[in-house]
Amino acid sequence: MKKSMLILILFSSLNGTLWAQEDMRAREERRIQEEMPQRKGKFFLVPEFWLSFGSSTYIEVAPMVGYHALERLIIGAGPRYTYQSVKVSPSNPFSYETHTFGLKAFARFAIITNAEQFLPINLFSDLFVHAEYEGMSLERNIYYNPTDQGRFIYHGILLGGGVNQRIGMYNSVSFMILWDVNQAYFSPYSNPVFRVGFNAYF
């Protein structure tokens, strides 16, 4: 009888301890959730800028402004300008220089948000899908036909996804893999397209 009572007391104590730990964990998760800043209605800047020098020079300036239409849905737009020059080399018998410019718009939907709250290690904050349209003015003699003159508009549609890693309360870094589904031989892209961006909220 004494053994049964002792086992019952130990079981009750263990069960109470487990319930207390679960309650503390739930309260901590609620506290983190409440402290997490709400992003709906906020604007952020993506100051994309790339430089590459050597036998091939590549400069890209493509700042974008994004807006959290919903907590999980982002829309945004911005201009894009690139300069590229290629010198004659053993691997490239021709040299050229070109400027491209245009506008782009995107939509991004987060499938998973605040992943650091339940992942055992901090791999990423958000997992998202991404769709982007670009209307770019390209030189015909570079991208279309060497004997043509003037420019034409390339309509690019890029689809893919990526992850977002939060830095501090608001700012973040995003890593994306995209695919130009309209890719033709005169496309300025080669699939897949890799993107890294810094998102600065204001």
C-alpha atoms as a PDB file:
ATOM      1  CA  MET A   1       0.000   0.000   0.000  1.00  0.00           C
ATOM      2  CA  LYS A   2       2.824   2.360   0.927  1.00  0.00           C
ATOM      3  CA  LYS A   3       4.585   1.520  -2.351  1.00  0.00           C
ATOM      4  CA  SER A   4       1.425   2.290  -4.313  1.00  0.00           C
ATOM      5  CA  MET A   5       1.005   5.624  -2.536  1.00  0.00           C
ATOM      6  CA  LEU A   6       4.664   6.509  -3.160  1.00  0.00           C
ATOM      7  CA  ILE A   7       4.390   5.678  -6.868  1.00  0.00           C
ATOM      8  CA  LEU A   8       1.178   7.727  -7.097  1.00  0.00           C
ATOM      9  CA  ILE A   9       2.827  10.729  -5.402  1.00  0.00           C
ATOM     10  CA  LEU A  10       5.906  10.495  -7.657  1.00  0.00           C
ATOM     11  CA  PHE A  11       3.709  10.208 -10.769  1.00  0.00           C
ATOM     12  CA  SER A  12       1.603  13.196  -9.706  1.00  0.00           C
ATOM     13  CA  SER A  13       4.727  15.291  -9.044  1.00  0.00           C
ATOM     14  CA  LEU A  14       6.245  14.345 -12.413  1.00  0.00           C
ATOM     15  CA  ASN A  15       2.990  15.073 -14.222  1.00  0.00           C
ATOM     16  CA  GLY A  16       2.706  18.449 -12.475  1.00  0.00           C
ATOM     17  CA  THR A  17       6.291  19.311 -13.418  1.00  0.00           C
ATOM     18  CA  LEU A  18       5.669  18.440 -17.077  1.00  0.00           C
ATOM     19  CA  TRP A  19       2.484  20.509 -17.132  1.00  0.00           C
ATOM     20  CA  ALA A  20       4.365  23.443 -15.581  1.00  0.00           C
ATOM     21  CA  GLN A  21       7.132  23.167 -18.215  1.00  0.00           C
ATOM     22  CA  GLU A  22       4.570  23.057 -21.031  1.00  0.00           C
ATOM     23  CA  ASP A  23       2.797  26.074 -19.561  1.00  0.00           C
ATOM     24  CA  MET A  24       6.069  28.014 -19.313  1.00  0.00           C
ATOM     25  CA  ARG A  25       6.964  27.084 -22.900  1.00  0.00           C
ATOM     26  CA  ALA A  26       3.532  28.209 -24.154  1.00  0.00           C
ATOM     27  CA  ARG A  27       3.809  31.503 -22.267  1.00  0.00           C
ATOM     28  CA  GLU A  28       7.305  32.092 -23.659  1.00  0.00           C
ATOM     29  CA  GLU A  29       6.079  31.438 -27.232  1.00  0.00           C
ATOM     30  CA  ARG A  30       3.196  33.888 -26.700  1.00  0.00           C
ATOM     31  CA  ARG A  31       5.610  36.493 -25.334  1.00  0.00           C
ATOM     32  CA  ILE A  32       7.936  36.141 -28.350  1.00  0.00           C
ATOM     33  CA  GLN A  33       4.958  36.342 -30.701  1.00  0.00           C
ATOM     34  CA  GLU A  34       3.697  39.516 -29.013  1.00  0.00           C
ATOM     35  CA  GLU A  35       7.162  41.117 -29.136  1.00  0.00           C
ATOM     36  CA  MET A  36       7.622  40.218 -32.811  1.00  0.00           C
ATOM     37  CA  PRO A  37       7.011  43.392 -34.833  1.00  0.00           C
ATOM     38  CA  GLN A  38       3.948  43.350 -37.097  1.00  0.00           C
ATOM     39  CA  ARG A  39       4.954  43.909 -40.714  1.00  0.00           C
ATOM     40  CA  LYS A  40       1.538  44.525 -42.292  1.00  0.00           C
ATOM     41  CA  GLY A  41       1.361  48.071 -43.649  1.00  0.00           C
ATOM     42  CA  LYS A  42       5.133  48.634 -43.497  1.00  0.00           C
ATOM     43  CA  PHE A  43       7.431  49.724 -46.344  1.00  0.00           C
ATOM     44  CA  PHE A  44      10.974  48.508 -46.881  1.00  0.00           C
ATOM     45  CA  LEU A  45      13.849  49.251 -49.262  1.00  0.00           C
ATOM     46  CA  VAL A  46      15.877  46.675 -51.217  1.00  0.00           C
ATOM     47  CA  PRO A  47      19.024  48.583 -52.336  1.00  0.00           C
ATOM     48  CA  GLU A  48      20.329  46.084 -54.913  1.00  0.00           C
ATOM     49  CA  PHE A  49      23.775  47.003 -56.235  1.00  0.00           C
ATOM     50  CA  TRP A  50      26.307  44.722 -57.945  1.00  0.00           C
ATOM     51  CA  LEU A  51      29.843  45.321 -59.202  1.00  0.00           C
ATOM     52  CA  SER A  52      32.137  42.979 -61.119  1.00  0.00           C
ATOM     53  CA  PHE A  53      35.428  43.906 -62.812  1.00  0.00           C
ATOM     54  CA  GLY A  54      38.007  42.110 -64.937  1.00  0.00           C
ATOM     55  CA  SER A  55      37.882  41.008 -68.582  1.00  0.00           C
ATOM     56  CA  SER A  56      34.127  41.508 -68.131  1.00  0.00           C
ATOM     57  CA  THR A  57      32.757  44.546 -66.290  1.00  0.00           C
ATOM     58  CA  TYR A  58      29.245  44.342 -64.855  1.00  0.00           C
ATOM     59  CA  ILE A  59      27.458  47.081 -62.920  1.00  0.00           C
ATOM     60  CA  GLU A  60      23.843  46.753 -61.776  1.00  0.00           C
ATOM     61  CA  VAL A  61      21.728  49.255 -59.848  1.00  0.00           C
ATOM     62  CA  ALA A  62      18.214  48.019 -59.040  1.00  0.00           C
ATOM     63  CA  PRO A  63      16.676  49.590 -55.908  1.00  0.00           C
ATOM     64  CA  MET A  64      13.150  48.472 -55.059  1.00  0.00           C
ATOM     65  CA  VAL A  65      10.510  49.605 -52.590  1.00  0.00           C
ATOM     66  CA  GLY A  66       8.405  46.844 -51.046  1.00  0.00           C
ATOM     67  CA  TYR A  67       5.143  47.005 -49.111  1.00  0.00           C
ATOM     68  CA  HIS A  68       3.577  44.447 -46.757  1.00  0.00           C
ATOM     69  CA  ALA A  69       0.024  44.395 -48.119  1.00  0.00           C
ATOM     70  CA  LEU A  70      -0.660  41.546 -45.663  1.00  0.00           C
ATOM     71  CA  GLU A  71       1.443  39.960 -42.954  1.00  0.00           C
ATOM     72  CA  ARG A  72       2.512  37.244 -45.430  1.00  0.00           C
ATOM     73  CA  LEU A  73       2.093  39.089 -48.761  1.00  0.00           C
ATOM     74  CA  ILE A  74       4.606  41.599 -50.128  1.00  0.00           C
ATOM     75  CA  ILE A  75       4.356  43.647 -53.323  1.00  0.00           C
ATOM     76  CA  GLY A  76       6.968  46.007 -54.693  1.00  0.00           C
ATOM     77  CA  ALA A  77       8.502  47.731 -57.708  1.00  0.00           C
ATOM     78  CA  GLY A  78      11.537  49.703 -58.829  1.00  0.00           C
ATOM     79  CA  PRO A  79      13.872  50.634 -61.699  1.00  0.00           C
ATOM     80  CA  ARG A  80      16.753  48.528 -62.992  1.00  0.00           C
ATOM     81  CA  TYR A  81      19.881  49.640 -64.833  1.00  0.00           C
ATOM     82  CA  THR A  82      22.865  47.547 -65.907  1.00  0.00           C
ATOM     83  CA  TYR A  83      26.101  48.304 -67.695  1.00  0.00           C
ATOM     84  CA  GLN A  84      28.193  45.518 -69.180  1.00  0.00           C
ATOM     85  CA  SER A  85      31.392  45.558 -71.183  1.00  0.00           C
ATOM     86  CA  VAL A  86      33.399  42.558 -72.350  1.00  0.00           C
ATOM     87  CA  LYS A  87      37.001  42.753 -73.561  1.00  0.00           C
ATOM     88  CA  VAL A  88      38.649  40.481 -76.103  1.00  0.00           C
ATOM     89  CA  SER A  89      40.198  37.444 -74.399  1.00  0.00           C
ATOM     90  CA  PRO A  90      41.180  33.854 -75.277  1.00  0.00           C
ATOM     91  CA  SER A  91      37.708  32.725 -74.234  1.00  0.00           C
ATOM     92  CA  ASN A  92      35.901  35.610 -75.960  1.00  0.00           C
ATOM     93  CA  PRO A  93      37.034  36.745 -79.457  1.00  0.00           C
ATOM     94  CA  PHE A  94      34.615  39.696 -79.518  1.00  0.00           C
ATOM     95  CA  SER A  95      34.295  42.797 -77.383  1.00  0.00           C
ATOM     96  CA  TYR A  96      31.146  44.788 -76.737  1.00  0.00           C
ATOM     97  CA  GLU A  97      29.578  47.355 -74.438  1.00  0.00           C
ATOM     98  CA  THR A  98      25.888  47.687 -73.612  1.00  0.00           C
ATOM     99  CA  HIS A  99      23.421  49.470 -71.346  1.00  0.00           C
ATOM    100  CA  THR A 100      20.061  48.003 -70.316  1.00  0.00           C
ATOM    101  CA  PHE A 101      17.343  49.710 -68.305  1.00  0.00           C
ATOM    102  CA  GLY A 102      13.719  49.263 -67.375  1.00  0.00           C
ATOM    103  CA  LEU A 103      11.258  48.599 -64.578  1.00  0.00           C
ATOM    104  CA  LYS A 104      10.387  45.566 -62.499  1.00  0.00           C
ATOM    105  CA  ALA A 105       7.591  44.587 -60.118  1.00  0.00           C
ATOM    106  CA  PHE A 106       7.252  41.613 -57.789  1.00  0.00           C
ATOM    107  CA  ALA A 107       4.943  39.783 -55.441  1.00  0.00           C
ATOM    108  CA  ARG A 108       6.134  37.510 -52.614  1.00  0.00           C
ATOM    109  CA  PHE A 109       4.124  35.227 -50.350  1.00  0.00           C
ATOM    110  CA  ALA A 110       5.540  33.719 -47.155  1.00  0.00           C
ATOM    111  CA  ILE A 111       4.629  30.034 -46.735  1.00  0.00           C
ATOM    112  CA  ILE A 112       6.383  29.827 -43.355  1.00  0.00           C
ATOM    113  CA  THR A 113       6.975  32.800 -41.040  1.00  0.00           C
ATOM    114  CA  ASN A 114       8.997  33.171 -37.821  1.00  0.00           C
ATOM    115  CA  ALA A 115      10.622  29.769 -38.353  1.00  0.00           C
ATOM    116  CA  GLU A 116      13.245  30.483 -35.699  1.00  0.00           C
ATOM    117  CA  GLN A 117      10.539  29.967 -33.074  1.00  0.00           C
ATOM    118  CA  PHE A 118      10.155  26.241 -33.778  1.00  0.00           C
ATOM    119  CA  LEU A 119      13.298  25.124 -35.651  1.00  0.00           C
ATOM    120  CA  PRO A 120      15.997  23.569 -33.443  1.00  0.00           C
ATOM    121  CA  ILE A 121      18.623  25.783 -35.128  1.00  0.00           C
ATOM    122  CA  ASN A 122      18.244  29.229 -36.654  1.00  0.00           C
ATOM    123  CA  LEU A 123      18.310  28.328 -40.362  1.00  0.00           C
ATOM    124  CA  PHE A 124      15.946  31.054 -41.613  1.00  0.00           C
ATOM    125  CA  SER A 125      13.061  33.283 -40.541  1.00  0.00           C
ATOM    126  CA  ASP A 126      10.684  33.006 -43.522  1.00  0.00           C
ATOM    127  CA  LEU A 127      10.251  30.642 -46.458  1.00  0.00           C
ATOM    128  CA  PHE A 128       8.546  32.263 -49.464  1.00  0.00           C
ATOM    129  CA  VAL A 129       7.552  31.959 -53.126  1.00  0.00           C
ATOM    130  CA  HIS A 130       8.384  34.846 -55.463  1.00  0.00           C
ATOM    131  CA  ALA A 131       7.053  36.094 -58.826  1.00  0.00           C
ATOM    132  CA  GLU A 132       8.625  38.979 -60.720  1.00  0.00           C
ATOM    133  CA  TYR A 133       8.036  40.840 -63.989  1.00  0.00           C
ATOM    134  CA  GLU A 134      10.707  42.877 -65.771  1.00  0.00           C
ATOM    135  CA  GLY A 135      10.297  45.099 -68.805  1.00  0.00           C
ATOM    136  CA  MET A 136      13.856  45.747 -70.000  1.00  0.00           C
ATOM    137  CA  SER A 137      15.089  47.868 -72.934  1.00  0.00           C
ATOM    138  CA  LEU A 138      17.857  45.922 -74.687  1.00  0.00           C
ATOM    139  CA  GLU A 139      20.094  46.780 -77.647  1.00  0.00           C
ATOM    140  CA  ARG A 140      19.174  44.786 -80.749  1.00  0.00           C
ATOM    141  CA  ASN A 141      22.735  44.384 -82.024  1.00  0.00           C
ATOM    142  CA  ILE A 142      23.794  42.795 -78.709  1.00  0.00           C
ATOM    143  CA  TYR A 143      20.837  40.620 -77.736  1.00  0.00           C
ATOM    144  CA  TYR A 144      18.935  40.045 -80.981  1.00  0.00           C
ATOM    145  CA  ASN A 145      20.803  40.405 -84.280  1.00  0.00           C
ATOM    146  CA  PRO A 146      24.324  41.923 -84.756  1.00  0.00           C
ATOM    147  CA  THR A 147      23.192  43.727 -87.931  1.00  0.00           C
ATOM    148  CA  ASP A 148      20.104  45.319 -86.340  1.00  0.00           C
ATOM    149  CA  GLN A 149      19.994  48.822 -84.891  1.00  0.00           C
ATOM    150  CA  GLY A 150      17.877  50.331 -82.138  1.00  0.00           C
ATOM    151  CA  ARG A 151      16.385  48.748 -79.043  1.00  0.00           C
ATOM    152  CA  PHE A 152      13.553  46.394 -78.091  1.00  0.00           C
ATOM    153  CA  ILE A 153      11.640  45.572 -74.900  1.00  0.00           C
ATOM    154  CA  TYR A 154      12.222  42.183 -73.320  1.00  0.00           C
ATOM    155  CA  HIS A 155       9.357  40.974 -71.104  1.00  0.00           C
ATOM    156  CA  GLY A 156      10.827  38.687 -68.466  1.00  0.00           C
ATOM    157  CA  ILE A 157       8.828  36.647 -65.951  1.00  0.00           C
ATOM    158  CA  LEU A 158      10.867  35.148 -63.131  1.00  0.00           C
ATOM    159  CA  LEU A 159       9.384  32.567 -60.764  1.00  0.00           C
ATOM    160  CA  GLY A 160      10.951  30.860 -57.796  1.00  0.00           C
ATOM    161  CA  GLY A 161      11.387  31.131 -54.073  1.00  0.00           C
ATOM    162  CA  GLY A 162      13.798  31.643 -51.251  1.00  0.00           C
ATOM    163  CA  VAL A 163      14.377  32.266 -47.582  1.00  0.00           C
ATOM    164  CA  ASN A 164      14.537  35.376 -45.473  1.00  0.00           C
ATOM    165  CA  GLN A 165      16.850  35.739 -42.462  1.00  0.00           C
ATOM    166  CA  ARG A 166      15.867  38.442 -39.983  1.00  0.00           C
ATOM    167  CA  ILE A 167      18.610  40.749 -38.701  1.00  0.00           C
ATOM    168  CA  GLY A 168      17.441  42.549 -35.601  1.00  0.00           C
ATOM    169  CA  MET A 169      13.772  43.442 -35.158  1.00  0.00           C
ATOM    170  CA  TYR A 170      13.063  44.699 -38.685  1.00  0.00           C
ATOM    171  CA  ASN A 171      15.891  44.362 -41.233  1.00  0.00           C
ATOM    172  CA  SER A 172      16.587  41.100 -43.046  1.00  0.00           C
ATOM    173  CA  VAL A 173      18.599  39.390 -45.783  1.00  0.00           C
ATOM    174  CA  SER A 174      16.928  37.307 -48.494  1.00  0.00           C
ATOM    175  CA  PHE A 175      18.349  34.503 -50.653  1.00  0.00           C
ATOM    176  CA  MET A 176      16.435  33.510 -53.804  1.00  0.00           C
ATOM    177  CA  ILE A 177      16.609  31.087 -56.727  1.00  0.00           C
ATOM    178  CA  LEU A 178      14.530  32.213 -59.720  1.00  0.00           C
ATOM    179  CA  TRP A 179      13.803  30.887 -63.210  1.00  0.00           C
ATOM    180  CA  ASP A 180      13.146  33.075 -66.260  1.00  0.00           C
ATOM    181  CA  VAL A 181      10.142  31.220 -67.732  1.00  0.00           C
ATOM    182  CA  ASN A 182      10.100  33.483 -70.815  1.00  0.00           C
ATOM    183  CA  GLN A 183      13.758  32.820 -71.538  1.00  0.00           C
ATOM    184  CA  ALA A 184      14.649  33.076 -75.219  1.00  0.00           C
ATOM    185  CA  TYR A 185      18.034  33.250 -76.914  1.00  0.00           C
ATOM    186  CA  PHE A 186      17.967  37.062 -76.486  1.00  0.00           C
ATOM    187  CA  SER A 187      17.233  36.902 -72.739  1.00  0.00           C
ATOM    188  CA  PRO A 188      19.661  38.848 -70.518  1.00  0.00           C
ATOM    189  CA  TYR A 189      19.495  35.949 -68.016  1.00  0.00           C
ATOM    190  CA  SER A 190      20.832  32.420 -67.861  1.00  0.00           C
ATOM    191  CA  ASN A 191      18.829  30.051 -65.669  1.00  0.00           C
ATOM    192  CA  PRO A 192      18.830  29.624 -62.745  1.00  0.00           C
ATOM    193  CA  VAL A 193      19.055  33.203 -61.462  1.00  0.00           C
ATOM    194  CA  PHE A 194      20.501  33.644 -57.969  1.00  0.00           C
ATOM    195  CA  ARG A 195      19.635  36.732 -55.916  1.00  0.00           C
ATOM    196  CA  VAL A 196      20.827  38.057 -52.573  1.00  0.00           C
ATOM    197  CA  GLY A 197      19.124  41.148 -51.167  1.00  0.00           C
ATOM    198  CA  PHE A 198      19.147  43.277 -48.022  1.00  0.00           C
ATOM    199  CA  ASN A 199      15.737  44.486 -46.830  1.00  0.00           C
ATOM    200  CA  ALA A 200      15.806  47.727 -44.819  1.00  0.00           C
ATOM    201  CA  TYR A 201      12.479  48.650 -43.175  1.00  0.00           C
ATOM    202  CA  PHE A 202      11.370  52.216 -42.552  1.00  0.00           C
END
